[in-house]
Amino acid sequence: MRFASLRTLARWTVPLLAAVSLHAAAQTTTLRIGFQKSASLLTLQKSTGSLEKRLAPLGVSVKWVEFPAGPQLLEGLNVGAVDVGFVGEAPPIFAQAAGAKFVYIGFDPAAPEAEAIVVPKDSAIKSVAELKGKKVALNKGSNVHYLLVKALEQAGLKYTDIQPVFLPPADARAAFERGAVDAWVIWD
């Protein structure tokens, strides 16, 4: 969902987040919000303090908890470390398939142009089909996990044709930069 102004942003998200937090607010006066740097909507609200300003008159303070990616944020939500969070479209599917119980309160349209399979500049790999037998770093249960599965299918490969290396984004970057993996599936 794209917003034209901060006023529109606040009109839609503050009531939504406040409604979700009613149970949490009844137990505590702190709303714990899980976010990722890639969640521009929440990052903007965090930087402007708009949620704090709107919720303060209700006696609710905000605690921002940063996560490296959606699957880790959903783990935090599942164990009660946060009350609400914002993730991409694929992590909730993987999490619920694994038995996690949570409620969807809204969504942002998918942004597949912000995700890619990357290889080093000097790599001989020039197509998805050439990933066969290669080590591919990715964040398990994320949007890029889904992207990789679909890209392999389109290239006529099975998931078992590659060697997935499940790493959180920062570790995957380090592995990619030192040449420990042949490709990296990541978001912008």
C-alpha atoms as a PDB file:
ATOM      1  CA  MET A   1       0.000   0.000   0.000  1.00  0.00           C
ATOM      2  CA  ARG A   2       1.497   3.371  -0.928  1.00  0.00           C
ATOM      3  CA  PHE A   3       0.591   6.433   1.101  1.00  0.00           C
ATOM      4  CA  ALA A   4       0.419   9.987  -0.159  1.00  0.00           C
ATOM      5  CA  SER A   5       1.201  11.640   3.152  1.00  0.00           C
ATOM      6  CA  LEU A   6       2.064  11.045   6.781  1.00  0.00           C
ATOM      7  CA  ARG A   7      -1.530  11.946   7.646  1.00  0.00           C
ATOM      8  CA  THR A   8      -2.815   9.132   5.422  1.00  0.00           C
ATOM      9  CA  LEU A   9      -0.151   6.838   6.836  1.00  0.00           C
ATOM     10  CA  ALA A  10      -1.205   7.573  10.397  1.00  0.00           C
ATOM     11  CA  ARG A  11      -4.911   7.308   9.573  1.00  0.00           C
ATOM     12  CA  TRP A  12      -4.519   3.733   8.333  1.00  0.00           C
ATOM     13  CA  THR A  13      -1.744   2.271  10.429  1.00  0.00           C
ATOM     14  CA  VAL A  14      -2.187   3.778  13.878  1.00  0.00           C
ATOM     15  CA  PRO A  15      -5.741   2.472  14.358  1.00  0.00           C
ATOM     16  CA  LEU A  16      -4.681  -0.875  12.921  1.00  0.00           C
ATOM     17  CA  LEU A  17      -1.714  -1.204  15.260  1.00  0.00           C
ATOM     18  CA  ALA A  18      -3.651   0.187  18.198  1.00  0.00           C
ATOM     19  CA  ALA A  19      -6.453  -2.321  17.615  1.00  0.00           C
ATOM     20  CA  VAL A  20      -4.022  -5.213  17.528  1.00  0.00           C
ATOM     21  CA  SER A  21      -2.394  -4.027  20.721  1.00  0.00           C
ATOM     22  CA  LEU A  22      -5.565  -3.882  22.830  1.00  0.00           C
ATOM     23  CA  HIS A  23      -4.896  -7.288  24.361  1.00  0.00           C
ATOM     24  CA  ALA A  24      -1.243  -6.435  24.905  1.00  0.00           C
ATOM     25  CA  ALA A  25      -2.107  -2.999  26.295  1.00  0.00           C
ATOM     26  CA  ALA A  26      -4.488  -4.585  28.808  1.00  0.00           C
ATOM     27  CA  GLN A  27      -1.522  -6.527  30.183  1.00  0.00           C
ATOM     28  CA  THR A  28       1.118  -3.845  29.844  1.00  0.00           C
ATOM     29  CA  THR A  29       1.437  -0.227  28.812  1.00  0.00           C
ATOM     30  CA  THR A  30       4.111  -0.975  26.211  1.00  0.00           C
ATOM     31  CA  LEU A  31       3.367  -1.956  22.607  1.00  0.00           C
ATOM     32  CA  ARG A  32       6.317  -3.976  21.301  1.00  0.00           C
ATOM     33  CA  ILE A  33       6.630  -3.588  17.527  1.00  0.00           C
ATOM     34  CA  GLY A  34       8.868  -5.893  15.520  1.00  0.00           C
ATOM     35  CA  PHE A  35      10.335  -4.291  12.405  1.00  0.00           C
ATOM     36  CA  GLN A  36      12.960  -4.787   9.724  1.00  0.00           C
ATOM     37  CA  LYS A  37      14.909  -2.007   8.062  1.00  0.00           C
ATOM     38  CA  SER A  38      13.267  -3.049   4.787  1.00  0.00           C
ATOM     39  CA  ALA A  39       9.802  -2.247   6.215  1.00  0.00           C
ATOM     40  CA  SER A  40       9.808   1.376   5.100  1.00  0.00           C
ATOM     41  CA  LEU A  41       6.360   2.085   6.539  1.00  0.00           C
ATOM     42  CA  LEU A  42       7.341   1.182  10.097  1.00  0.00           C
ATOM     43  CA  THR A  43      10.842   2.605   9.715  1.00  0.00           C
ATOM     44  CA  LEU A  44       9.283   5.931   8.749  1.00  0.00           C
ATOM     45  CA  GLN A  45       6.937   5.823  11.732  1.00  0.00           C
ATOM     46  CA  LYS A  46       9.825   4.934  14.031  1.00  0.00           C
ATOM     47  CA  SER A  47      11.955   7.812  12.751  1.00  0.00           C
ATOM     48  CA  THR A  48       9.154  10.389  13.036  1.00  0.00           C
ATOM     49  CA  GLY A  49       7.850   9.169  16.387  1.00  0.00           C
ATOM     50  CA  SER A  50       4.296   9.322  15.019  1.00  0.00           C
ATOM     51  CA  LEU A  51       3.105   6.188  16.823  1.00  0.00           C
ATOM     52  CA  GLU A  52       4.558   7.343  20.122  1.00  0.00           C
ATOM     53  CA  LYS A  53       2.752  10.676  19.743  1.00  0.00           C
ATOM     54  CA  ARG A  54      -0.583   9.049  18.898  1.00  0.00           C
ATOM     55  CA  LEU A  55      -0.443   6.342  21.570  1.00  0.00           C
ATOM     56  CA  ALA A  56       0.972   8.414  24.461  1.00  0.00           C
ATOM     57  CA  PRO A  57      -2.432   9.994  25.301  1.00  0.00           C
ATOM     58  CA  LEU A  58      -3.787   6.445  25.635  1.00  0.00           C
ATOM     59  CA  GLY A  59      -1.091   5.607  28.181  1.00  0.00           C
ATOM     60  CA  VAL A  60       0.727   3.300  25.765  1.00  0.00           C
ATOM     61  CA  SER A  61       4.440   3.560  25.034  1.00  0.00           C
ATOM     62  CA  VAL A  62       6.149   1.968  22.030  1.00  0.00           C
ATOM     63  CA  LYS A  63       9.183  -0.294  22.084  1.00  0.00           C
ATOM     64  CA  TRP A  64      10.789  -0.927  18.690  1.00  0.00           C
ATOM     65  CA  VAL A  65      12.472  -4.319  18.260  1.00  0.00           C
ATOM     66  CA  GLU A  66      14.575  -4.754  15.118  1.00  0.00           C
ATOM     67  CA  PHE A  67      14.865  -8.129  13.373  1.00  0.00           C
ATOM     68  CA  PRO A  68      17.157  -9.074  10.466  1.00  0.00           C
ATOM     69  CA  ALA A  69      14.316 -10.586   8.415  1.00  0.00           C
ATOM     70  CA  GLY A  70      10.688 -11.712   8.411  1.00  0.00           C
ATOM     71  CA  PRO A  71      11.131 -15.322   9.584  1.00  0.00           C
ATOM     72  CA  GLN A  72      13.050 -14.182  12.659  1.00  0.00           C
ATOM     73  CA  LEU A  73      10.444 -11.495  13.368  1.00  0.00           C
ATOM     74  CA  LEU A  74       7.671 -14.103  13.200  1.00  0.00           C
ATOM     75  CA  GLU A  75       9.610 -16.307  15.622  1.00  0.00           C
ATOM     76  CA  GLY A  76       9.635 -13.309  17.982  1.00  0.00           C
ATOM     77  CA  LEU A  77       5.898 -12.840  17.503  1.00  0.00           C
ATOM     78  CA  ASN A  78       5.238 -16.543  18.033  1.00  0.00           C
ATOM     79  CA  VAL A  79       7.089 -16.627  21.378  1.00  0.00           C
ATOM     80  CA  GLY A  80       5.628 -13.333  22.625  1.00  0.00           C
ATOM     81  CA  ALA A  81       8.742 -11.156  22.287  1.00  0.00           C
ATOM     82  CA  VAL A  82       6.743  -8.636  20.208  1.00  0.00           C
ATOM     83  CA  ASP A  83       3.048  -7.805  19.941  1.00  0.00           C
ATOM     84  CA  VAL A  84       2.878  -6.895  16.252  1.00  0.00           C
ATOM     85  CA  GLY A  85       5.213  -6.872  13.259  1.00  0.00           C
ATOM     86  CA  PHE A  86       5.535  -6.284   9.544  1.00  0.00           C
ATOM     87  CA  VAL A  87       6.906  -8.961   7.203  1.00  0.00           C
ATOM     88  CA  GLY A  88       6.731  -9.881   3.535  1.00  0.00           C
ATOM     89  CA  GLU A  89       4.122 -12.130   1.998  1.00  0.00           C
ATOM     90  CA  ALA A  90       5.977 -15.469   2.160  1.00  0.00           C
ATOM     91  CA  PRO A  91       7.235 -15.697   5.781  1.00  0.00           C
ATOM     92  CA  PRO A  92       3.724 -16.040   7.298  1.00  0.00           C
ATOM     93  CA  ILE A  93       2.962 -18.927   4.932  1.00  0.00           C
ATOM     94  CA  PHE A  94       6.122 -20.795   5.933  1.00  0.00           C
ATOM     95  CA  ALA A  95       5.535 -20.006   9.630  1.00  0.00           C
ATOM     96  CA  GLN A  96       1.916 -21.142   9.639  1.00  0.00           C
ATOM     97  CA  ALA A  97       2.853 -24.302   7.736  1.00  0.00           C
ATOM     98  CA  ALA A  98       5.203 -24.992  10.664  1.00  0.00           C
ATOM     99  CA  GLY A  99       2.368 -24.478  13.178  1.00  0.00           C
ATOM    100  CA  ALA A 100       2.792 -20.836  14.224  1.00  0.00           C
ATOM    101  CA  LYS A 101      -0.430 -19.161  15.311  1.00  0.00           C
ATOM    102  CA  PHE A 102      -0.931 -15.459  14.643  1.00  0.00           C
ATOM    103  CA  VAL A 103      -3.451 -13.141  13.017  1.00  0.00           C
ATOM    104  CA  TYR A 104      -3.011 -11.158   9.802  1.00  0.00           C
ATOM    105  CA  ILE A 105      -4.139  -7.537  10.173  1.00  0.00           C
ATOM    106  CA  GLY A 106      -3.160  -6.066   6.830  1.00  0.00           C
ATOM    107  CA  PHE A 107      -0.830  -6.435   3.898  1.00  0.00           C
ATOM    108  CA  ASP A 108       1.361  -4.560   1.494  1.00  0.00           C
ATOM    109  CA  PRO A 109       1.374  -5.617  -2.174  1.00  0.00           C
ATOM    110  CA  ALA A 110       4.300  -7.849  -3.130  1.00  0.00           C
ATOM    111  CA  ALA A 111       7.364  -6.102  -4.549  1.00  0.00           C
ATOM    112  CA  PRO A 112       9.187  -8.836  -6.482  1.00  0.00           C
ATOM    113  CA  GLU A 113      11.356  -6.266  -8.271  1.00  0.00           C
ATOM    114  CA  ALA A 114      13.095  -5.721  -4.915  1.00  0.00           C
ATOM    115  CA  GLU A 115      14.411  -9.324  -4.801  1.00  0.00           C
ATOM    116  CA  ALA A 116      17.101 -11.025  -6.863  1.00  0.00           C
ATOM    117  CA  ILE A 117      19.421 -13.975  -7.311  1.00  0.00           C
ATOM    118  CA  VAL A 118      22.923 -12.514  -7.467  1.00  0.00           C
ATOM    119  CA  VAL A 119      26.267 -14.018  -8.419  1.00  0.00           C
ATOM    120  CA  PRO A 120      29.754 -12.492  -8.288  1.00  0.00           C
ATOM    121  CA  LYS A 121      30.726 -10.272 -11.253  1.00  0.00           C
ATOM    122  CA  ASP A 122      33.265 -12.788 -12.502  1.00  0.00           C
ATOM    123  CA  SER A 123      30.973 -15.823 -12.089  1.00  0.00           C
ATOM    124  CA  ALA A 124      30.511 -18.290 -14.932  1.00  0.00           C
ATOM    125  CA  ILE A 125      26.856 -18.615 -13.846  1.00  0.00           C
ATOM    126  CA  LYS A 126      24.734 -16.702 -16.360  1.00  0.00           C
ATOM    127  CA  SER A 127      21.303 -18.309 -15.866  1.00  0.00           C
ATOM    128  CA  VAL A 128      19.203 -19.929 -13.159  1.00  0.00           C
ATOM    129  CA  ALA A 129      19.687 -23.310 -14.863  1.00  0.00           C
ATOM    130  CA  GLU A 130      23.421 -22.987 -14.193  1.00  0.00           C
ATOM    131  CA  LEU A 131      22.774 -23.029 -10.434  1.00  0.00           C
ATOM    132  CA  LYS A 132      22.497 -26.836 -10.639  1.00  0.00           C
ATOM    133  CA  GLY A 133      24.821 -28.361  -8.038  1.00  0.00           C
ATOM    134  CA  LYS A 134      25.802 -24.926  -6.706  1.00  0.00           C
ATOM    135  CA  LYS A 135      25.685 -23.524  -3.165  1.00  0.00           C
ATOM    136  CA  VAL A 136      22.987 -20.863  -2.902  1.00  0.00           C
ATOM    137  CA  ALA A 137      22.673 -18.702   0.222  1.00  0.00           C
ATOM    138  CA  LEU A 138      19.197 -17.611   1.309  1.00  0.00           C
ATOM    139  CA  ASN A 139      17.138 -16.750   4.375  1.00  0.00           C
ATOM    140  CA  LYS A 140      14.973 -19.808   5.079  1.00  0.00           C
ATOM    141  CA  GLY A 141      11.223 -19.198   5.025  1.00  0.00           C
ATOM    142  CA  SER A 142      11.479 -15.743   3.478  1.00  0.00           C
ATOM    143  CA  ASN A 143      10.211 -14.133   0.283  1.00  0.00           C
ATOM    144  CA  VAL A 144      13.506 -14.977  -1.399  1.00  0.00           C
ATOM    145  CA  HIS A 145      13.071 -18.634  -0.444  1.00  0.00           C
ATOM    146  CA  TYR A 146       9.843 -18.607  -2.440  1.00  0.00           C
ATOM    147  CA  LEU A 147      11.523 -16.656  -5.271  1.00  0.00           C
ATOM    148  CA  LEU A 148      14.262 -19.283  -5.525  1.00  0.00           C
ATOM    149  CA  VAL A 149      11.809 -22.202  -5.601  1.00  0.00           C
ATOM    150  CA  LYS A 150       9.791 -20.557  -8.402  1.00  0.00           C
ATOM    151  CA  ALA A 151      12.898 -19.517 -10.387  1.00  0.00           C
ATOM    152  CA  LEU A 152      14.256 -23.064 -10.222  1.00  0.00           C
ATOM    153  CA  GLU A 153      10.905 -24.459 -11.409  1.00  0.00           C
ATOM    154  CA  GLN A 154      10.871 -22.052 -14.359  1.00  0.00           C
ATOM    155  CA  ALA A 155      14.408 -23.134 -15.257  1.00  0.00           C
ATOM    156  CA  GLY A 156      13.393 -26.811 -15.185  1.00  0.00           C
ATOM    157  CA  LEU A 157      15.266 -27.569 -11.964  1.00  0.00           C
ATOM    158  CA  LYS A 158      14.145 -29.063  -8.681  1.00  0.00           C
ATOM    159  CA  TYR A 159      15.000 -27.547  -5.331  1.00  0.00           C
ATOM    160  CA  THR A 160      17.088 -30.652  -4.652  1.00  0.00           C
ATOM    161  CA  ASP A 161      19.255 -29.772  -7.686  1.00  0.00           C
ATOM    162  CA  ILE A 162      20.976 -27.014  -5.688  1.00  0.00           C
ATOM    163  CA  GLN A 163      22.710 -26.909  -2.314  1.00  0.00           C
ATOM    164  CA  PRO A 164      20.725 -24.405  -0.231  1.00  0.00           C
ATOM    165  CA  VAL A 165      22.735 -22.677   2.484  1.00  0.00           C
ATOM    166  CA  PHE A 166      20.338 -21.171   5.023  1.00  0.00           C
ATOM    167  CA  LEU A 167      21.807 -18.013   6.526  1.00  0.00           C
ATOM    168  CA  PRO A 168      20.385 -14.760   7.889  1.00  0.00           C
ATOM    169  CA  PRO A 169      21.081 -11.792   5.567  1.00  0.00           C
ATOM    170  CA  ALA A 170      24.248 -10.473   7.248  1.00  0.00           C
ATOM    171  CA  ASP A 171      25.857 -13.924   7.372  1.00  0.00           C
ATOM    172  CA  ALA A 172      24.788 -14.661   3.792  1.00  0.00           C
ATOM    173  CA  ARG A 173      26.435 -11.445   2.632  1.00  0.00           C
ATOM    174  CA  ALA A 174      29.672 -12.389   4.363  1.00  0.00           C
ATOM    175  CA  ALA A 175      29.574 -15.877   2.818  1.00  0.00           C
ATOM    176  CA  PHE A 176      28.884 -14.375  -0.624  1.00  0.00           C
ATOM    177  CA  GLU A 177      31.692 -11.813  -0.336  1.00  0.00           C
ATOM    178  CA  ARG A 178      34.286 -14.401   0.706  1.00  0.00           C
ATOM    179  CA  GLY A 179      33.192 -16.841  -2.045  1.00  0.00           C
ATOM    180  CA  ALA A 180      31.811 -19.528   0.275  1.00  0.00           C
ATOM    181  CA  VAL A 181      28.602 -19.682  -1.802  1.00  0.00           C
ATOM    182  CA  ASP A 182      28.072 -19.493  -5.561  1.00  0.00           C
ATOM    183  CA  ALA A 183      24.934 -17.345  -5.448  1.00  0.00           C
ATOM    184  CA  TRP A 184      22.890 -15.332  -2.978  1.00  0.00           C
ATOM    185  CA  VAL A 185      19.136 -14.763  -3.049  1.00  0.00           C
ATOM    186  CA  ILE A 186      18.326 -11.488  -1.297  1.00  0.00           C
ATOM    187  CA  TRP A 187      16.027  -8.483  -1.216  1.00  0.00           C
ATOM    188  CA  ASP A 188      16.971  -4.867  -1.781  1.00  0.00           C
END
